[in-house]
Amino acid sequence: MLYIIYQEDTEGSAAIRAQHKAAHFAYLEAHRDILVLGGALLADVGDARIGSVLILNVPNRAAAEAFSAKEPLRCAGTFRSVKITRMRRGQWNPAAAPATAEGN
């Protein structure tokens, strides 16, 4: 079952993010078996991060909640809000994804 985790940053989160970046990526790597997609939410102009999105393939909401509750950036207080919602995979076209993380 797919769950999307939509997380909006708190004011001044860049310093928190920088401090916990290594732990965040290690956590995602340790859970790569359930992580379908993850990435930063960016401001419309520039490269400022305003949050992040994770899509997980887990058996139930409790598993999504448990993953989110232990995620290092969330534990560190990076996010002002976290919303977890079950979703259905509709269109699936990985070939349409950008070639780079920056969206190029």
N, C-alpha and C. Protein backbone atom coordinates (compact mmCIF):
# COMPACT_ATOMS: atom_id res chain seq x y z
N MET A 1 0.85 -1.16 0.00
CA MET A 1 0.00 0.00 0.00
C MET A 1 0.90 1.23 0.00
N LEU A 2 0.57 2.21 -0.81
CA LEU A 2 1.37 3.41 -0.89
C LEU A 2 0.87 4.48 0.08
N TYR A 3 1.82 5.16 0.70
CA TYR A 3 1.54 6.30 1.57
C TYR A 3 2.46 7.43 1.17
N ILE A 4 1.91 8.63 1.10
CA ILE A 4 2.72 9.81 0.84
C ILE A 4 2.86 10.57 2.15
N ILE A 5 4.08 10.98 2.42
CA ILE A 5 4.38 11.78 3.62
C ILE A 5 4.79 13.16 3.13
N TYR A 6 3.96 14.15 3.41
CA TYR A 6 4.16 15.52 2.96
C TYR A 6 4.57 16.34 4.17
N GLN A 7 5.79 16.89 4.13
CA GLN A 7 6.36 17.55 5.29
C GLN A 7 6.76 18.99 4.94
N GLU A 8 6.24 19.95 5.68
CA GLU A 8 6.56 21.35 5.45
C GLU A 8 7.54 21.83 6.52
N ASP A 9 8.61 22.49 6.06
CA ASP A 9 9.66 22.94 6.96
C ASP A 9 9.18 24.03 7.91
N THR A 10 9.81 24.06 9.06
CA THR A 10 9.62 25.13 10.02
C THR A 10 10.57 26.27 9.64
N GLU A 11 10.34 27.42 10.17
CA GLU A 11 11.21 28.58 9.94
C GLU A 11 12.61 28.25 10.48
N GLY A 12 13.63 28.55 9.71
CA GLY A 12 15.00 28.31 10.16
C GLY A 12 15.44 26.86 10.12
N SER A 13 14.81 26.07 9.29
CA SER A 13 15.11 24.64 9.27
C SER A 13 16.42 24.29 8.57
N ALA A 14 17.01 25.21 7.83
CA ALA A 14 18.24 24.91 7.09
C ALA A 14 19.35 24.43 8.02
N ALA A 15 19.50 25.05 9.15
CA ALA A 15 20.55 24.65 10.09
C ALA A 15 20.27 23.25 10.66
N ILE A 16 19.01 22.98 10.96
CA ILE A 16 18.64 21.65 11.47
C ILE A 16 18.91 20.61 10.40
N ARG A 17 18.51 20.91 9.18
CA ARG A 17 18.71 20.01 8.05
C ARG A 17 20.19 19.67 7.87
N ALA A 18 21.01 20.71 7.89
CA ALA A 18 22.46 20.51 7.70
C ALA A 18 23.03 19.62 8.80
N GLN A 19 22.59 19.83 10.01
CA GLN A 19 23.12 19.06 11.15
C GLN A 19 22.73 17.58 11.08
N HIS A 20 21.56 17.27 10.51
CA HIS A 20 21.04 15.90 10.53
C HIS A 20 21.00 15.25 9.14
N LYS A 21 21.64 15.88 8.16
CA LYS A 21 21.60 15.39 6.79
C LYS A 21 22.15 13.96 6.66
N ALA A 22 23.28 13.69 7.24
CA ALA A 22 23.89 12.35 7.14
C ALA A 22 22.98 11.29 7.74
N ALA A 23 22.41 11.58 8.90
CA ALA A 23 21.51 10.61 9.55
C ALA A 23 20.25 10.40 8.71
N HIS A 24 19.75 11.46 8.12
CA HIS A 24 18.56 11.39 7.26
C HIS A 24 18.82 10.45 6.09
N PHE A 25 19.92 10.67 5.37
CA PHE A 25 20.21 9.82 4.20
C PHE A 25 20.52 8.39 4.60
N ALA A 26 21.16 8.20 5.75
CA ALA A 26 21.42 6.83 6.23
C ALA A 26 20.10 6.12 6.55
N TYR A 27 19.15 6.85 7.12
CA TYR A 27 17.84 6.29 7.45
C TYR A 27 17.10 5.88 6.17
N LEU A 28 17.14 6.77 5.17
CA LEU A 28 16.48 6.43 3.90
C LEU A 28 17.14 5.22 3.25
N GLU A 29 18.45 5.15 3.29
CA GLU A 29 19.16 4.01 2.71
C GLU A 29 18.81 2.72 3.45
N ALA A 30 18.69 2.79 4.76
CA ALA A 30 18.34 1.61 5.55
C ALA A 30 16.92 1.12 5.25
N HIS A 31 16.09 2.01 4.69
CA HIS A 31 14.70 1.68 4.38
C HIS A 31 14.43 1.71 2.88
N ARG A 32 15.44 1.52 2.09
CA ARG A 32 15.28 1.60 0.64
C ARG A 32 14.32 0.54 0.10
N ASP A 33 14.09 -0.52 0.89
CA ASP A 33 13.16 -1.57 0.46
C ASP A 33 11.71 -1.11 0.48
N ILE A 34 11.41 -0.01 1.18
CA ILE A 34 10.04 0.51 1.22
C ILE A 34 9.92 1.91 0.62
N LEU A 35 11.04 2.57 0.36
CA LEU A 35 11.03 3.94 -0.17
C LEU A 35 10.88 3.91 -1.68
N VAL A 36 9.75 4.38 -2.17
CA VAL A 36 9.47 4.42 -3.60
C VAL A 36 10.07 5.68 -4.22
N LEU A 37 9.89 6.81 -3.55
CA LEU A 37 10.35 8.09 -4.07
C LEU A 37 10.50 9.05 -2.91
N GLY A 38 11.50 9.89 -2.99
CA GLY A 38 11.67 10.92 -1.98
C GLY A 38 12.34 12.12 -2.61
N GLY A 39 12.02 13.30 -2.10
CA GLY A 39 12.68 14.49 -2.61
C GLY A 39 12.26 15.73 -1.86
N ALA A 40 13.03 16.79 -2.10
CA ALA A 40 12.78 18.07 -1.45
C ALA A 40 11.65 18.81 -2.14
N LEU A 41 10.88 19.54 -1.36
CA LEU A 41 9.95 20.54 -1.89
C LEU A 41 10.74 21.83 -1.99
N LEU A 42 10.64 22.51 -3.11
CA LEU A 42 11.41 23.73 -3.34
C LEU A 42 10.49 24.92 -3.54
N ALA A 43 11.00 26.09 -3.17
CA ALA A 43 10.29 27.33 -3.43
C ALA A 43 10.17 27.51 -4.95
N ASP A 44 9.16 28.23 -5.38
CA ASP A 44 8.94 28.44 -6.82
C ASP A 44 10.13 29.11 -7.50
N VAL A 45 10.82 29.97 -6.77
CA VAL A 45 11.98 30.66 -7.32
C VAL A 45 13.20 30.30 -6.48
N GLY A 46 14.30 29.95 -7.13
CA GLY A 46 15.52 29.62 -6.42
C GLY A 46 15.53 28.17 -5.96
N ASP A 47 16.47 27.86 -5.09
CA ASP A 47 16.66 26.49 -4.62
C ASP A 47 16.31 26.30 -3.16
N ALA A 48 15.62 27.25 -2.56
CA ALA A 48 15.29 27.14 -1.14
C ALA A 48 14.38 25.95 -0.89
N ARG A 49 14.75 25.14 0.07
CA ARG A 49 13.93 24.00 0.47
C ARG A 49 12.80 24.49 1.37
N ILE A 50 11.62 23.96 1.11
CA ILE A 50 10.47 24.34 1.94
C ILE A 50 9.81 23.12 2.57
N GLY A 51 10.39 21.94 2.33
CA GLY A 51 9.85 20.71 2.89
C GLY A 51 10.35 19.51 2.13
N SER A 52 9.64 18.41 2.29
CA SER A 52 9.99 17.19 1.55
C SER A 52 8.79 16.28 1.41
N VAL A 53 8.91 15.38 0.46
CA VAL A 53 7.88 14.37 0.21
C VAL A 53 8.55 13.01 0.16
N LEU A 54 7.93 12.05 0.78
CA LEU A 54 8.37 10.66 0.71
C LEU A 54 7.17 9.81 0.32
N ILE A 55 7.38 8.86 -0.55
CA ILE A 55 6.33 7.90 -0.88
C ILE A 55 6.85 6.53 -0.49
N LEU A 56 6.08 5.86 0.36
CA LEU A 56 6.47 4.55 0.90
C LEU A 56 5.52 3.47 0.42
N ASN A 57 6.03 2.27 0.31
CA ASN A 57 5.21 1.09 0.05
C ASN A 57 5.28 0.24 1.30
N VAL A 58 4.26 0.35 2.14
CA VAL A 58 4.20 -0.34 3.43
C VAL A 58 2.83 -1.01 3.58
N PRO A 59 2.71 -1.97 4.49
CA PRO A 59 1.45 -2.71 4.60
C PRO A 59 0.27 -1.93 5.14
N ASN A 60 0.53 -0.87 5.93
CA ASN A 60 -0.58 -0.15 6.56
C ASN A 60 -0.13 1.21 7.08
N ARG A 61 -1.10 1.98 7.54
CA ARG A 61 -0.81 3.33 8.05
C ARG A 61 0.11 3.28 9.25
N ALA A 62 -0.06 2.30 10.10
CA ALA A 62 0.80 2.20 11.28
C ALA A 62 2.27 2.10 10.88
N ALA A 63 2.56 1.37 9.83
CA ALA A 63 3.94 1.25 9.36
C ALA A 63 4.45 2.58 8.82
N ALA A 64 3.60 3.32 8.11
CA ALA A 64 3.99 4.64 7.60
C ALA A 64 4.24 5.60 8.76
N GLU A 65 3.36 5.57 9.74
CA GLU A 65 3.52 6.43 10.93
C GLU A 65 4.81 6.09 11.67
N ALA A 66 5.10 4.79 11.82
CA ALA A 66 6.32 4.37 12.53
C ALA A 66 7.57 4.84 11.79
N PHE A 67 7.57 4.70 10.47
CA PHE A 67 8.70 5.17 9.67
C PHE A 67 8.89 6.67 9.89
N SER A 68 7.82 7.43 9.75
CA SER A 68 7.89 8.88 9.87
C SER A 68 8.33 9.32 11.27
N ALA A 69 7.82 8.66 12.29
CA ALA A 69 8.13 9.04 13.67
C ALA A 69 9.61 8.90 14.00
N LYS A 70 10.31 8.00 13.31
CA LYS A 70 11.72 7.75 13.58
C LYS A 70 12.66 8.43 12.59
N GLU A 71 12.10 9.12 11.61
CA GLU A 71 12.92 9.76 10.58
C GLU A 71 13.73 10.90 11.23
N PRO A 72 15.04 10.93 11.05
CA PRO A 72 15.89 11.88 11.77
C PRO A 72 15.54 13.35 11.61
N LEU A 73 15.15 13.79 10.41
CA LEU A 73 14.79 15.20 10.26
C LEU A 73 13.52 15.54 11.04
N ARG A 74 12.58 14.62 11.06
CA ARG A 74 11.36 14.86 11.84
C ARG A 74 11.69 14.87 13.34
N CYS A 75 12.48 13.92 13.78
CA CYS A 75 12.86 13.86 15.20
C CYS A 75 13.59 15.12 15.64
N ALA A 76 14.33 15.73 14.72
CA ALA A 76 15.12 16.93 15.04
C ALA A 76 14.28 18.21 15.03
N GLY A 77 13.03 18.13 14.61
CA GLY A 77 12.17 19.30 14.60
C GLY A 77 12.22 20.13 13.33
N THR A 78 12.60 19.51 12.22
CA THR A 78 12.70 20.22 10.94
C THR A 78 11.34 20.69 10.41
N PHE A 79 10.29 19.94 10.71
CA PHE A 79 9.01 20.19 10.05
C PHE A 79 7.99 20.83 10.97
N ARG A 80 7.26 21.81 10.40
CA ARG A 80 6.15 22.44 11.14
C ARG A 80 4.88 21.63 10.98
N SER A 81 4.82 20.85 9.90
CA SER A 81 3.66 19.98 9.71
C SER A 81 4.08 18.73 8.95
N VAL A 82 3.42 17.64 9.27
CA VAL A 82 3.63 16.35 8.60
C VAL A 82 2.25 15.76 8.34
N LYS A 83 1.98 15.45 7.08
CA LYS A 83 0.71 14.84 6.71
C LYS A 83 1.00 13.51 6.02
N ILE A 84 0.35 12.46 6.50
CA ILE A 84 0.52 11.13 5.93
C ILE A 84 -0.83 10.69 5.35
N THR A 85 -0.82 10.34 4.08
CA THR A 85 -2.05 9.99 3.39
C THR A 85 -1.83 8.76 2.52
N ARG A 86 -2.78 7.85 2.58
CA ARG A 86 -2.74 6.68 1.69
C ARG A 86 -3.04 7.13 0.27
N MET A 87 -2.38 6.50 -0.67
CA MET A 87 -2.61 6.88 -2.06
C MET A 87 -2.67 5.64 -2.95
N ARG A 88 -3.21 5.83 -4.10
CA ARG A 88 -3.27 4.77 -5.11
C ARG A 88 -2.32 5.14 -6.24
N ARG A 89 -1.57 4.17 -6.71
CA ARG A 89 -0.71 4.43 -7.86
C ARG A 89 -1.58 4.48 -9.10
N GLY A 90 -1.55 5.59 -9.76
CA GLY A 90 -2.29 5.77 -11.00
C GLY A 90 -1.31 5.65 -12.15
N GLN A 91 -1.08 6.75 -12.80
CA GLN A 91 -0.13 6.76 -13.90
C GLN A 91 1.27 6.49 -13.36
N TRP A 92 2.04 5.75 -14.11
CA TRP A 92 3.39 5.39 -13.69
C TRP A 92 4.27 5.49 -14.92
N ASN A 93 5.10 6.50 -14.96
CA ASN A 93 5.94 6.73 -16.13
C ASN A 93 7.32 7.22 -15.70
N PRO A 94 8.15 6.33 -15.18
CA PRO A 94 9.49 6.73 -14.74
C PRO A 94 10.31 7.37 -15.86
N ALA A 95 10.04 7.02 -17.10
CA ALA A 95 10.80 7.59 -18.22
C ALA A 95 10.58 9.10 -18.34
N ALA A 96 9.48 9.61 -17.81
CA ALA A 96 9.19 11.04 -17.88
C ALA A 96 9.88 11.83 -16.77
N ALA A 97 10.49 11.13 -15.83
CA ALA A 97 11.17 11.81 -14.73
C ALA A 97 12.41 12.56 -15.24
N PRO A 98 12.75 13.68 -14.61
CA PRO A 98 13.93 14.42 -15.07
C PRO A 98 15.20 13.60 -14.89
N ALA A 99 16.20 13.91 -15.68
CA ALA A 99 17.47 13.17 -15.64
C ALA A 99 18.30 13.50 -14.41
N THR A 100 18.07 14.68 -13.81
CA THR A 100 18.86 15.08 -12.65
C THR A 100 17.95 15.39 -11.48
N ALA A 101 18.53 15.40 -10.29
CA ALA A 101 17.76 15.73 -9.10
C ALA A 101 17.24 17.15 -9.13
N GLU A 102 17.90 18.03 -9.86
CA GLU A 102 17.49 19.43 -9.96
C GLU A 102 16.31 19.62 -10.91
N GLY A 103 15.92 18.57 -11.62
CA GLY A 103 14.78 18.65 -12.50
C GLY A 103 15.11 18.94 -13.95
N ASN A 104 16.36 18.82 -14.31
CA ASN A 104 16.78 19.09 -15.71
C ASN A 104 16.65 17.83 -16.55
